[in-house]
Amino acid sequence: EAWKLKVSGGVFQGTKDDDTGIRASEDA
């Protein structure tokens, strides 16, 4: 009813460093 408003938001797994193998903190 509000101009077909749609809002999507989430938290996602961070990127893994190819050299160290350590994964960064979460993205949004």
PDB file of all heavy atoms in Angstrom:
ATOM      1  N   GLU A   1       0.813  -1.213   0.000  1.00  0.00           N
ATOM      2  CA  GLU A   1       0.000   0.000   0.000  1.00  0.00           C
ATOM      3  C   GLU A   1       0.848   1.264   0.000  1.00  0.00           C
ATOM      4  O   GLU A   1       0.334   2.353  -0.245  1.00  0.00           O
ATOM      5  CB  GLU A   1      -0.935   0.012   1.219  1.00  0.00           C
ATOM      6  CG  GLU A   1      -0.233   0.025   2.565  1.00  0.00           C
ATOM      7  CD  GLU A   1       0.162  -1.358   3.049  1.00  0.00           C
ATOM      8  OE1 GLU A   1       0.055  -2.325   2.258  1.00  0.00           O
ATOM      9  OE2 GLU A   1       0.563  -1.479   4.220  1.00  0.00           O
ATOM     10  N   ALA A   2       2.129   1.157   0.281  1.00  0.00           N
ATOM     11  CA  ALA A   2       3.020   2.318   0.295  1.00  0.00           C
ATOM     12  C   ALA A   2       3.934   2.278  -0.921  1.00  0.00           C
ATOM     13  O   ALA A   2       5.141   2.106  -0.813  1.00  0.00           O
ATOM     14  CB  ALA A   2       3.843   2.338   1.581  1.00  0.00           C
ATOM     15  N   TRP A   3       3.332   2.417  -2.133  1.00  0.00           N
ATOM     16  CA  TRP A   3       4.094   2.409  -3.376  1.00  0.00           C
ATOM     17  C   TRP A   3       4.909   1.127  -3.538  1.00  0.00           C
ATOM     18  O   TRP A   3       6.003   1.127  -4.069  1.00  0.00           O
ATOM     19  CB  TRP A   3       5.032   3.613  -3.472  1.00  0.00           C
ATOM     20  CG  TRP A   3       4.335   4.892  -3.802  1.00  0.00           C
ATOM     21  CD1 TRP A   3       3.010   5.077  -4.056  1.00  0.00           C
ATOM     22  CD2 TRP A   3       4.942   6.185  -3.933  1.00  0.00           C
ATOM     23  NE1 TRP A   3       2.743   6.390  -4.332  1.00  0.00           N
ATOM     24  CE2 TRP A   3       3.915   7.112  -4.254  1.00  0.00           C
ATOM     25  CE3 TRP A   3       6.239   6.654  -3.795  1.00  0.00           C
ATOM     26  CZ2 TRP A   3       4.156   8.456  -4.449  1.00  0.00           C
ATOM     27  CZ3 TRP A   3       6.489   8.001  -3.983  1.00  0.00           C
ATOM     28  CH2 TRP A   3       5.456   8.892  -4.311  1.00  0.00           C
ATOM     29  N   LYS A   4       4.355   0.030  -3.034  1.00  0.00           N
ATOM     30  CA  LYS A   4       5.047  -1.262  -3.106  1.00  0.00           C
ATOM     31  C   LYS A   4       6.453  -1.174  -2.500  1.00  0.00           C
ATOM     32  O   LYS A   4       7.431  -1.709  -3.051  1.00  0.00           O
ATOM     33  CB  LYS A   4       5.097  -1.779  -4.532  1.00  0.00           C
ATOM     34  CG  LYS A   4       3.723  -2.059  -5.131  1.00  0.00           C
ATOM     35  CD  LYS A   4       3.837  -2.696  -6.490  1.00  0.00           C
ATOM     36  CE  LYS A   4       2.461  -2.951  -7.096  1.00  0.00           C
ATOM     37  NZ  LYS A   4       1.677  -3.914  -6.336  1.00  0.00           N
ATOM     38  N   LEU A   5       6.540  -0.526  -1.383  1.00  0.00           N
ATOM     39  CA  LEU A   5       7.831  -0.370  -0.705  1.00  0.00           C
ATOM     40  C   LEU A   5       8.358  -1.720  -0.246  1.00  0.00           C
ATOM     41  O   LEU A   5       7.625  -2.541   0.318  1.00  0.00           O
ATOM     42  CB  LEU A   5       7.668   0.552   0.504  1.00  0.00           C
ATOM     43  CG  LEU A   5       8.885   0.672   1.434  1.00  0.00           C
ATOM     44  CD1 LEU A   5      10.044   1.348   0.721  1.00  0.00           C
ATOM     45  CD2 LEU A   5       8.510   1.425   2.708  1.00  0.00           C
ATOM     46  N   LYS A   6       9.633  -1.944  -0.505  1.00  0.00           N
ATOM     47  CA  LYS A   6      10.306  -3.156  -0.036  1.00  0.00           C
ATOM     48  C   LYS A   6      11.673  -2.772   0.514  1.00  0.00           C
ATOM     49  O   LYS A   6      12.449  -2.073  -0.146  1.00  0.00           O
ATOM     50  CB  LYS A   6      10.474  -4.160  -1.165  1.00  0.00           C
ATOM     51  CG  LYS A   6      11.154  -5.464  -0.724  1.00  0.00           C
ATOM     52  CD  LYS A   6      11.464  -6.360  -1.899  1.00  0.00           C
ATOM     53  CE  LYS A   6      10.214  -6.874  -2.541  1.00  0.00           C
ATOM     54  NZ  LYS A   6      10.506  -7.818  -3.644  1.00  0.00           N
ATOM     55  N   VAL A   7      11.947  -3.216   1.724  1.00  0.00           N
ATOM     56  CA  VAL A   7      13.224  -2.933   2.381  1.00  0.00           C
ATOM     57  C   VAL A   7      13.854  -4.256   2.790  1.00  0.00           C
ATOM     58  O   VAL A   7      13.220  -5.072   3.468  1.00  0.00           O
ATOM     59  CB  VAL A   7      13.040  -2.026   3.615  1.00  0.00           C
ATOM     60  CG1 VAL A   7      14.392  -1.752   4.265  1.00  0.00           C
ATOM     61  CG2 VAL A   7      12.361  -0.714   3.215  1.00  0.00           C
ATOM     62  N   SER A   8      15.084  -4.483   2.363  1.00  0.00           N
ATOM     63  CA  SER A   8      15.822  -5.706   2.688  1.00  0.00           C
ATOM     64  C   SER A   8      17.143  -5.319   3.325  1.00  0.00           C
ATOM     65  O   SER A   8      17.853  -4.439   2.814  1.00  0.00           O
ATOM     66  CB  SER A   8      16.076  -6.551   1.438  1.00  0.00           C
ATOM     67  OG  SER A   8      14.874  -6.803   0.738  1.00  0.00           O
ATOM     68  N   GLY A   9      17.480  -5.962   4.417  1.00  0.00           N
ATOM     69  CA  GLY A   9      18.746  -5.680   5.091  1.00  0.00           C
ATOM     70  C   GLY A   9      19.265  -6.911   5.803  1.00  0.00           C
ATOM     71  O   GLY A   9      18.474  -7.715   6.326  1.00  0.00           O
ATOM     72  N   GLY A  10      20.585  -7.086   5.791  1.00  0.00           N
ATOM     73  CA  GLY A  10      21.141  -8.272   6.425  1.00  0.00           C
ATOM     74  C   GLY A  10      22.599  -8.127   6.783  1.00  0.00           C
ATOM     75  O   GLY A  10      23.272  -7.159   6.425  1.00  0.00           O
ATOM     76  N   VAL A  11      23.073  -9.133   7.511  1.00  0.00           N
ATOM     77  CA  VAL A  11      24.474  -9.240   7.915  1.00  0.00           C
ATOM     78  C   VAL A  11      25.049 -10.475   7.249  1.00  0.00           C
ATOM     79  O   VAL A  11      24.417 -11.546   7.254  1.00  0.00           O
ATOM     80  CB  VAL A  11      24.593  -9.336   9.448  1.00  0.00           C
ATOM     81  CG1 VAL A  11      26.055  -9.504   9.856  1.00  0.00           C
ATOM     82  CG2 VAL A  11      24.000  -8.109  10.113  1.00  0.00           C
ATOM     83  N   PHE A  12      26.277 -10.337   6.685  1.00  0.00           N
ATOM     84  CA  PHE A  12      26.841 -11.404   5.880  1.00  0.00           C
ATOM     85  C   PHE A  12      28.276 -11.705   6.305  1.00  0.00           C
ATOM     86  O   PHE A  12      28.963 -10.850   6.862  1.00  0.00           O
ATOM     87  CB  PHE A  12      26.813 -11.014   4.394  1.00  0.00           C
ATOM     88  CG  PHE A  12      25.431 -10.791   3.872  1.00  0.00           C
ATOM     89  CD1 PHE A  12      24.839  -9.536   3.966  1.00  0.00           C
ATOM     90  CD2 PHE A  12      24.703 -11.824   3.323  1.00  0.00           C
ATOM     91  CE1 PHE A  12      23.561  -9.324   3.501  1.00  0.00           C
ATOM     92  CE2 PHE A  12      23.425 -11.628   2.856  1.00  0.00           C
ATOM     93  CZ  PHE A  12      22.843 -10.377   2.948  1.00  0.00           C
ATOM     94  N   GLN A  13      28.676 -12.919   5.998  1.00  0.00           N
ATOM     95  CA  GLN A  13      30.024 -13.373   6.329  1.00  0.00           C
ATOM     96  C   GLN A  13      31.068 -12.530   5.609  1.00  0.00           C
ATOM     97  O   GLN A  13      30.931 -12.204   4.433  1.00  0.00           O
ATOM     98  CB  GLN A  13      30.170 -14.840   5.939  1.00  0.00           C
ATOM     99  CG  GLN A  13      31.449 -15.500   6.439  1.00  0.00           C
ATOM    100  CD  GLN A  13      31.486 -16.966   6.067  1.00  0.00           C
ATOM    101  OE1 GLN A  13      31.430 -17.306   4.898  1.00  0.00           O
ATOM    102  NE2 GLN A  13      31.578 -17.826   7.056  1.00  0.00           N
ATOM    103  N   GLY A  14      32.136 -12.174   6.332  1.00  0.00           N
ATOM    104  CA  GLY A  14      33.196 -11.368   5.746  1.00  0.00           C
ATOM    105  C   GLY A  14      34.053 -12.141   4.759  1.00  0.00           C
ATOM    106  O   GLY A  14      33.973 -13.373   4.646  1.00  0.00           O
ATOM    107  N   THR A  15      34.900 -11.414   4.043  1.00  0.00           N
ATOM    108  CA  THR A  15      35.751 -12.011   3.021  1.00  0.00           C
ATOM    109  C   THR A  15      36.961 -12.697   3.654  1.00  0.00           C
ATOM    110  O   THR A  15      37.558 -12.193   4.603  1.00  0.00           O
ATOM    111  CB  THR A  15      36.225 -10.929   2.042  1.00  0.00           C
ATOM    112  OG1 THR A  15      35.080 -10.279   1.480  1.00  0.00           O
ATOM    113  CG2 THR A  15      37.062 -11.531   0.926  1.00  0.00           C
ATOM    114  N   LYS A  16      37.317 -13.830   3.080  1.00  0.00           N
ATOM    115  CA  LYS A  16      38.477 -14.581   3.563  1.00  0.00           C
ATOM    116  C   LYS A  16      39.723 -14.161   2.800  1.00  0.00           C
ATOM    117  O   LYS A  16      39.725 -14.122   1.559  1.00  0.00           O
ATOM    118  CB  LYS A  16      38.234 -16.081   3.378  1.00  0.00           C
ATOM    119  CG  LYS A  16      39.318 -16.967   3.980  1.00  0.00           C
ATOM    120  CD  LYS A  16      38.945 -18.429   3.828  1.00  0.00           C
ATOM    121  CE  LYS A  16      39.987 -19.330   4.444  1.00  0.00           C
ATOM    122  NZ  LYS A  16      39.632 -20.770   4.303  1.00  0.00           N
ATOM    123  N   ASP A  17      40.787 -13.843   3.526  1.00  0.00           N
ATOM    124  CA  ASP A  17      42.045 -13.430   2.910  1.00  0.00           C
ATOM    125  C   ASP A  17      42.733 -14.646   2.286  1.00  0.00           C
ATOM    126  O   ASP A  17      42.938 -15.665   2.945  1.00  0.00           O
ATOM    127  CB  ASP A  17      42.953 -12.783   3.950  1.00  0.00           C
ATOM    128  CG  ASP A  17      44.178 -12.151   3.310  1.00  0.00           C
ATOM    129  OD1 ASP A  17      45.122 -12.887   2.963  1.00  0.00           O
ATOM    130  OD2 ASP A  17      44.192 -10.908   3.159  1.00  0.00           O
ATOM    131  N   ASP A  18      43.058 -14.552   0.999  1.00  0.00           N
ATOM    132  CA  ASP A  18      43.659 -15.688   0.298  1.00  0.00           C
ATOM    133  C   ASP A  18      45.055 -16.019   0.814  1.00  0.00           C
ATOM    134  O   ASP A  18      45.478 -17.186   0.775  1.00  0.00           O
ATOM    135  CB  ASP A  18      43.730 -15.398  -1.202  1.00  0.00           C
ATOM    136  CG  ASP A  18      42.346 -15.289  -1.825  1.00  0.00           C
ATOM    137  OD1 ASP A  18      41.401 -15.896  -1.290  1.00  0.00           O
ATOM    138  OD2 ASP A  18      42.214 -14.578  -2.851  1.00  0.00           O
ATOM    139  N   ASP A  19      45.798 -15.018   1.305  1.00  0.00           N
ATOM    140  CA  ASP A  19      47.178 -15.254   1.756  1.00  0.00           C
ATOM    141  C   ASP A  19      47.231 -15.813   3.172  1.00  0.00           C
ATOM    142  O   ASP A  19      47.922 -16.798   3.435  1.00  0.00           O
ATOM    143  CB  ASP A  19      47.974 -13.955   1.670  1.00  0.00           C
ATOM    144  CG  ASP A  19      48.077 -13.442   0.243  1.00  0.00           C
ATOM    145  OD1 ASP A  19      48.092 -14.289  -0.681  1.00  0.00           O
ATOM    146  OD2 ASP A  19      48.122 -12.209   0.057  1.00  0.00           O
ATOM    147  N   THR A  20      46.500 -15.185   4.088  1.00  0.00           N
ATOM    148  CA  THR A  20      46.563 -15.595   5.495  1.00  0.00           C
ATOM    149  C   THR A  20      45.502 -16.627   5.873  1.00  0.00           C
ATOM    150  O   THR A  20      45.647 -17.322   6.875  1.00  0.00           O
ATOM    151  CB  THR A  20      46.399 -14.367   6.404  1.00  0.00           C
ATOM    152  OG1 THR A  20      45.094 -13.801   6.200  1.00  0.00           O
ATOM    153  CG2 THR A  20      47.451 -13.314   6.076  1.00  0.00           C
ATOM    154  N   GLY A  21      44.439 -16.709   5.088  1.00  0.00           N
ATOM    155  CA  GLY A  21      43.354 -17.629   5.421  1.00  0.00           C
ATOM    156  C   GLY A  21      42.453 -17.112   6.528  1.00  0.00           C
ATOM    157  O   GLY A  21      41.556 -17.833   6.972  1.00  0.00           O
ATOM    158  N   ILE A  22      42.665 -15.879   6.964  1.00  0.00           N
ATOM    159  CA  ILE A  22      41.852 -15.292   8.034  1.00  0.00           C
ATOM    160  C   ILE A  22      40.643 -14.590   7.409  1.00  0.00           C
ATOM    161  O   ILE A  22      40.781 -13.850   6.438  1.00  0.00           O
ATOM    162  CB  ILE A  22      42.686 -14.291   8.863  1.00  0.00           C
ATOM    163  CG1 ILE A  22      43.876 -15.009   9.508  1.00  0.00           C
ATOM    164  CG2 ILE A  22      41.822 -13.624   9.922  1.00  0.00           C
ATOM    165  CD1 ILE A  22      44.820 -14.077  10.242  1.00  0.00           C
ATOM    166  N   ARG A  23      39.484 -14.822   7.995  1.00  0.00           N
ATOM    167  CA  ARG A  23      38.260 -14.211   7.488  1.00  0.00           C
ATOM    168  C   ARG A  23      37.991 -12.902   8.213  1.00  0.00           C
ATOM    169  O   ARG A  23      38.094 -12.823   9.444  1.00  0.00           O
ATOM    170  CB  ARG A  23      37.071 -15.157   7.658  1.00  0.00           C
ATOM    171  CG  ARG A  23      35.820 -14.696   6.928  1.00  0.00           C
ATOM    172  CD  ARG A  23      34.743 -15.759   6.993  1.00  0.00           C
ATOM    173  NE  ARG A  23      35.107 -16.960   6.279  1.00  0.00           N
ATOM    174  CZ  ARG A  23      34.998 -17.139   4.971  1.00  0.00           C
ATOM    175  NH1 ARG A  23      34.549 -16.124   4.219  1.00  0.00           N
ATOM    176  NH2 ARG A  23      35.335 -18.274   4.405  1.00  0.00           N
ATOM    177  N   ALA A  24      37.660 -11.869   7.454  1.00  0.00           N
ATOM    178  CA  ALA A  24      37.361 -10.562   8.039  1.00  0.00           C
ATOM    179  C   ALA A  24      36.028 -10.605   8.776  1.00  0.00           C
ATOM    180  O   ALA A  24      35.235 -11.539   8.646  1.00  0.00           O
ATOM    181  CB  ALA A  24      37.332  -9.499   6.939  1.00  0.00           C
ATOM    182  N   SER A  25      35.766  -9.559   9.544  1.00  0.00           N
ATOM    183  CA  SER A  25      34.512  -9.485  10.286  1.00  0.00           C
ATOM    184  C   SER A  25      33.330  -9.290   9.337  1.00  0.00           C
ATOM    185  O   SER A  25      33.503  -9.081   8.129  1.00  0.00           O
ATOM    186  CB  SER A  25      34.565  -8.344  11.298  1.00  0.00           C
ATOM    187  OG  SER A  25      34.728  -7.099  10.634  1.00  0.00           O
ATOM    188  N   GLU A  26      32.131  -9.315   9.883  1.00  0.00           N
ATOM    189  CA  GLU A  26      30.917  -9.359   9.070  1.00  0.00           C
ATOM    190  C   GLU A  26      30.701  -8.074   8.258  1.00  0.00           C
ATOM    191  O   GLU A  26      31.058  -6.980   8.678  1.00  0.00           O
ATOM    192  CB  GLU A  26      29.691  -9.610   9.950  1.00  0.00           C
ATOM    193  CG  GLU A  26      29.599 -11.009  10.519  1.00  0.00           C
ATOM    194  CD  GLU A  26      30.552 -11.239  11.679  1.00  0.00           C
ATOM    195  OE1 GLU A  26      31.085 -10.230  12.195  1.00  0.00           O
ATOM    196  OE2 GLU A  26      30.781 -12.405  12.051  1.00  0.00           O
ATOM    197  N   ASP A  27      30.090  -8.281   7.085  1.00  0.00           N
ATOM    198  CA  ASP A  27      29.655  -7.175   6.235  1.00  0.00           C
ATOM    199  C   ASP A  27      28.163  -6.925   6.468  1.00  0.00           C
ATOM    200  O   ASP A  27      27.446  -7.757   7.028  1.00  0.00           O
ATOM    201  CB  ASP A  27      29.890  -7.504   4.760  1.00  0.00           C
ATOM    202  CG  ASP A  27      31.356  -7.765   4.442  1.00  0.00           C
ATOM    203  OD1 ASP A  27      32.207  -7.471   5.303  1.00  0.00           O
ATOM    204  OD2 ASP A  27      31.631  -8.269   3.338  1.00  0.00           O
ATOM    205  N   ALA A  28      27.682  -5.787   5.991  1.00  0.00           N
ATOM    206  CA  ALA A  28      26.262  -5.443   6.102  1.00  0.00           C
ATOM    207  C   ALA A  28      25.785  -4.831   4.800  1.00  0.00           C
ATOM    208  O   ALA A  28      26.544  -4.149   4.097  1.00  0.00           O
ATOM    209  CB  ALA A  28      26.018  -4.479   7.264  1.00  0.00           C
TER     210      ALA A  28
END
